[in-house]
Amino acid sequence: MSIVRLQVELNIHEGKFAAFEALAQQMSAVSQQEPGTLAYEFCLSGDRTRCRLIEAYTDANAVEAHFAGPAVREFVPRLMEHCSVSRFEVYGDPGPQVTAMVASFGAEIFGLWHGFSR
């Protein structure tokens, strides 16, 4: 198994938290149904202005399936009306198609160097 992780740092626009929250809930519900998605967690700052989306996938194929599915295709464009990406990092090899897609968000990819996952 070659786990791929993503961390997306989001700044929530003023007055947009309720809409952001509703979309985050829908995205989580859709992503939970994807067999290769191991984790999909929104972590919120105390002042509700910043959010970190932590994602984990079994492998590059699972990341590609997620990016082809409704969480990304349908909900991400709507979510971006209520927030902006301040940082996007990928850990592991997400494959060439996803690499090209995340480049538009300024993602930095960190390839596995040493270590292991259980």
C-alpha atoms as a PDB file:
ATOM      1  CA  MET A   1       0.000   0.000   0.000  1.00  0.00           C
ATOM      2  CA  SER A   2       1.323   3.426  -0.961  1.00  0.00           C
ATOM      3  CA  ILE A   3      -0.752   5.850   1.107  1.00  0.00           C
ATOM      4  CA  VAL A   4      -1.182   9.371  -0.265  1.00  0.00           C
ATOM      5  CA  ARG A   5      -2.055  12.223   2.088  1.00  0.00           C
ATOM      6  CA  LEU A   6      -3.229  15.748   1.377  1.00  0.00           C
ATOM      7  CA  GLN A   7      -3.350  18.772   3.639  1.00  0.00           C
ATOM      8  CA  VAL A   8      -5.287  21.767   2.385  1.00  0.00           C
ATOM      9  CA  GLU A   9      -5.224  24.961   4.438  1.00  0.00           C
ATOM     10  CA  LEU A  10      -8.288  27.139   3.883  1.00  0.00           C
ATOM     11  CA  ASN A  11      -9.147  30.688   4.950  1.00  0.00           C
ATOM     12  CA  ILE A  12     -12.906  31.083   5.362  1.00  0.00           C
ATOM     13  CA  HIS A  13     -14.293  34.363   4.047  1.00  0.00           C
ATOM     14  CA  GLU A  14     -15.968  36.658   6.544  1.00  0.00           C
ATOM     15  CA  GLY A  15     -19.658  35.920   6.939  1.00  0.00           C
ATOM     16  CA  LYS A  16     -19.399  32.660   4.961  1.00  0.00           C
ATOM     17  CA  PHE A  17     -18.952  30.118   7.755  1.00  0.00           C
ATOM     18  CA  ALA A  18     -22.499  28.684   7.634  1.00  0.00           C
ATOM     19  CA  ALA A  19     -22.322  28.024   3.883  1.00  0.00           C
ATOM     20  CA  PHE A  20     -18.772  26.647   4.249  1.00  0.00           C
ATOM     21  CA  GLU A  21     -19.909  24.299   7.025  1.00  0.00           C
ATOM     22  CA  ALA A  22     -22.847  22.963   5.002  1.00  0.00           C
ATOM     23  CA  LEU A  23     -20.597  22.166   2.049  1.00  0.00           C
ATOM     24  CA  ALA A  24     -17.930  20.576   4.268  1.00  0.00           C
ATOM     25  CA  GLN A  25     -20.585  18.245   5.701  1.00  0.00           C
ATOM     26  CA  GLN A  26     -21.750  17.261   2.216  1.00  0.00           C
ATOM     27  CA  MET A  27     -18.183  16.702   1.035  1.00  0.00           C
ATOM     28  CA  SER A  28     -17.453  14.491   4.049  1.00  0.00           C
ATOM     29  CA  ALA A  29     -20.585  12.407   3.468  1.00  0.00           C
ATOM     30  CA  VAL A  30     -19.751  11.851  -0.213  1.00  0.00           C
ATOM     31  CA  SER A  31     -16.087  11.074   0.493  1.00  0.00           C
ATOM     32  CA  GLN A  32     -17.007   8.580   3.216  1.00  0.00           C
ATOM     33  CA  GLN A  33     -18.616   6.411   0.527  1.00  0.00           C
ATOM     34  CA  GLU A  34     -15.396   6.149  -1.502  1.00  0.00           C
ATOM     35  CA  PRO A  35     -13.712   2.778  -0.847  1.00  0.00           C
ATOM     36  CA  GLY A  36     -10.132   4.088  -1.178  1.00  0.00           C
ATOM     37  CA  THR A  37     -10.593   7.125   1.063  1.00  0.00           C
ATOM     38  CA  LEU A  38      -9.033   6.424   4.468  1.00  0.00           C
ATOM     39  CA  ALA A  39      -9.519   9.845   6.069  1.00  0.00           C
ATOM     40  CA  TYR A  40     -11.305  13.075   5.207  1.00  0.00           C
ATOM     41  CA  GLU A  41     -11.185  15.426   8.183  1.00  0.00           C
ATOM     42  CA  PHE A  42     -11.976  19.125   8.441  1.00  0.00           C
ATOM     43  CA  CYS A  43     -10.161  20.706  11.409  1.00  0.00           C
ATOM     44  CA  LEU A  44     -11.326  24.190  12.440  1.00  0.00           C
ATOM     45  CA  SER A  45      -9.526  27.041  14.229  1.00  0.00           C
ATOM     46  CA  GLY A  46     -11.090  28.372  17.422  1.00  0.00           C
ATOM     47  CA  ASP A  47     -12.170  31.602  15.741  1.00  0.00           C
ATOM     48  CA  ARG A  48     -13.766  29.657  12.810  1.00  0.00           C
ATOM     49  CA  THR A  49     -11.791  31.569  10.176  1.00  0.00           C
ATOM     50  CA  ARG A  50      -9.259  28.890   9.221  1.00  0.00           C
ATOM     51  CA  CYS A  51      -9.696  25.254   8.362  1.00  0.00           C
ATOM     52  CA  ARG A  52      -7.382  22.371   7.553  1.00  0.00           C
ATOM     53  CA  LEU A  53      -8.673  19.543   5.401  1.00  0.00           C
ATOM     54  CA  ILE A  54      -6.648  16.396   6.079  1.00  0.00           C
ATOM     55  CA  GLU A  55      -7.133  13.593   3.578  1.00  0.00           C
ATOM     56  CA  ALA A  56      -5.630  10.109   3.201  1.00  0.00           C
ATOM     57  CA  TYR A  57      -6.047   7.581   0.402  1.00  0.00           C
ATOM     58  CA  THR A  58      -4.942   3.991  -0.076  1.00  0.00           C
ATOM     59  CA  ASP A  59      -2.969   4.853  -3.218  1.00  0.00           C
ATOM     60  CA  ALA A  60      -2.781   7.090  -6.288  1.00  0.00           C
ATOM     61  CA  ASN A  61      -5.755   5.316  -7.896  1.00  0.00           C
ATOM     62  CA  ALA A  62      -7.939   6.187  -4.897  1.00  0.00           C
ATOM     63  CA  VAL A  63      -6.839   9.844  -5.061  1.00  0.00           C
ATOM     64  CA  GLU A  64      -7.664   9.909  -8.770  1.00  0.00           C
ATOM     65  CA  ALA A  65     -11.104   8.384  -8.116  1.00  0.00           C
ATOM     66  CA  HIS A  66     -11.767  11.015  -5.436  1.00  0.00           C
ATOM     67  CA  PHE A  67     -10.758  13.844  -7.770  1.00  0.00           C
ATOM     68  CA  ALA A  68     -13.047  12.431 -10.473  1.00  0.00           C
ATOM     69  CA  GLY A  69     -15.963  12.174  -8.038  1.00  0.00           C
ATOM     70  CA  PRO A  70     -18.540  14.637  -6.742  1.00  0.00           C
ATOM     71  CA  ALA A  71     -16.534  15.883  -3.724  1.00  0.00           C
ATOM     72  CA  VAL A  72     -14.063  17.563  -6.068  1.00  0.00           C
ATOM     73  CA  ARG A  73     -16.044  18.022  -9.289  1.00  0.00           C
ATOM     74  CA  GLU A  74     -19.276  19.284  -7.729  1.00  0.00           C
ATOM     75  CA  PHE A  75     -18.464  20.609  -4.275  1.00  0.00           C
ATOM     76  CA  VAL A  76     -14.960  22.133  -4.501  1.00  0.00           C
ATOM     77  CA  PRO A  77     -16.016  24.877  -6.963  1.00  0.00           C
ATOM     78  CA  ARG A  78     -18.904  25.774  -4.644  1.00  0.00           C
ATOM     79  CA  LEU A  79     -16.662  25.646  -1.552  1.00  0.00           C
ATOM     80  CA  MET A  80     -14.190  28.036  -3.178  1.00  0.00           C
ATOM     81  CA  GLU A  81     -16.916  30.698  -3.229  1.00  0.00           C
ATOM     82  CA  HIS A  82     -16.643  30.758   0.581  1.00  0.00           C
ATOM     83  CA  CYS A  83     -12.920  30.322   1.209  1.00  0.00           C
ATOM     84  CA  SER A  84      -9.458  30.537  -0.318  1.00  0.00           C
ATOM     85  CA  VAL A  85      -6.554  28.085  -0.307  1.00  0.00           C
ATOM     86  CA  SER A  86      -3.536  29.359   1.615  1.00  0.00           C
ATOM     87  CA  ARG A  87      -1.483  26.161   1.370  1.00  0.00           C
ATOM     88  CA  PHE A  88      -1.884  22.791  -0.304  1.00  0.00           C
ATOM     89  CA  GLU A  89       0.537  19.950   0.340  1.00  0.00           C
ATOM     90  CA  VAL A  90       0.529  16.403  -0.983  1.00  0.00           C
ATOM     91  CA  TYR A  91       2.534  13.659   0.702  1.00  0.00           C
ATOM     92  CA  GLY A  92       3.301  10.694  -1.526  1.00  0.00           C
ATOM     93  CA  ASP A  93       2.748  10.177  -5.253  1.00  0.00           C
ATOM     94  CA  PRO A  94      -0.801  11.145  -6.311  1.00  0.00           C
ATOM     95  CA  GLY A  95      -0.161  10.160  -9.942  1.00  0.00           C
ATOM     96  CA  PRO A  96       0.274  12.390 -13.008  1.00  0.00           C
ATOM     97  CA  GLN A  97      -3.382  13.324 -13.491  1.00  0.00           C
ATOM     98  CA  VAL A  98      -3.911  14.542  -9.920  1.00  0.00           C
ATOM     99  CA  THR A  99      -0.494  16.226  -9.929  1.00  0.00           C
ATOM    100  CA  ALA A 100      -1.641  18.330 -12.889  1.00  0.00           C
ATOM    101  CA  MET A 101      -4.981  19.110 -11.242  1.00  0.00           C
ATOM    102  CA  VAL A 102      -3.547  20.252  -7.900  1.00  0.00           C
ATOM    103  CA  ALA A 103      -0.986  22.465  -9.629  1.00  0.00           C
ATOM    104  CA  SER A 104      -3.769  24.986 -10.285  1.00  0.00           C
ATOM    105  CA  PHE A 105      -4.089  25.381  -6.492  1.00  0.00           C
ATOM    106  CA  GLY A 106      -0.329  25.841  -6.091  1.00  0.00           C
ATOM    107  CA  ALA A 107       0.107  22.463  -4.412  1.00  0.00           C
ATOM    108  CA  GLU A 108       3.534  21.305  -3.359  1.00  0.00           C
ATOM    109  CA  ILE A 109       4.193  17.577  -3.598  1.00  0.00           C
ATOM    110  CA  PHE A 110       6.479  15.840  -1.123  1.00  0.00           C
ATOM    111  CA  GLY A 111       7.554  12.389  -2.321  1.00  0.00           C
ATOM    112  CA  LEU A 112       8.069   9.610   0.186  1.00  0.00           C
ATOM    113  CA  TRP A 113      11.691   9.585   1.201  1.00  0.00           C
ATOM    114  CA  HIS A 114      12.094   7.416   4.339  1.00  0.00           C
ATOM    115  CA  GLY A 115       9.729   5.823   6.803  1.00  0.00           C
ATOM    116  CA  PHE A 116       6.620   3.674   6.851  1.00  0.00           C
ATOM    117  CA  SER A 117       2.863   3.674   7.466  1.00  0.00           C
ATOM    118  CA  ARG A 118       0.773   1.083   9.288  1.00  0.00           C
END
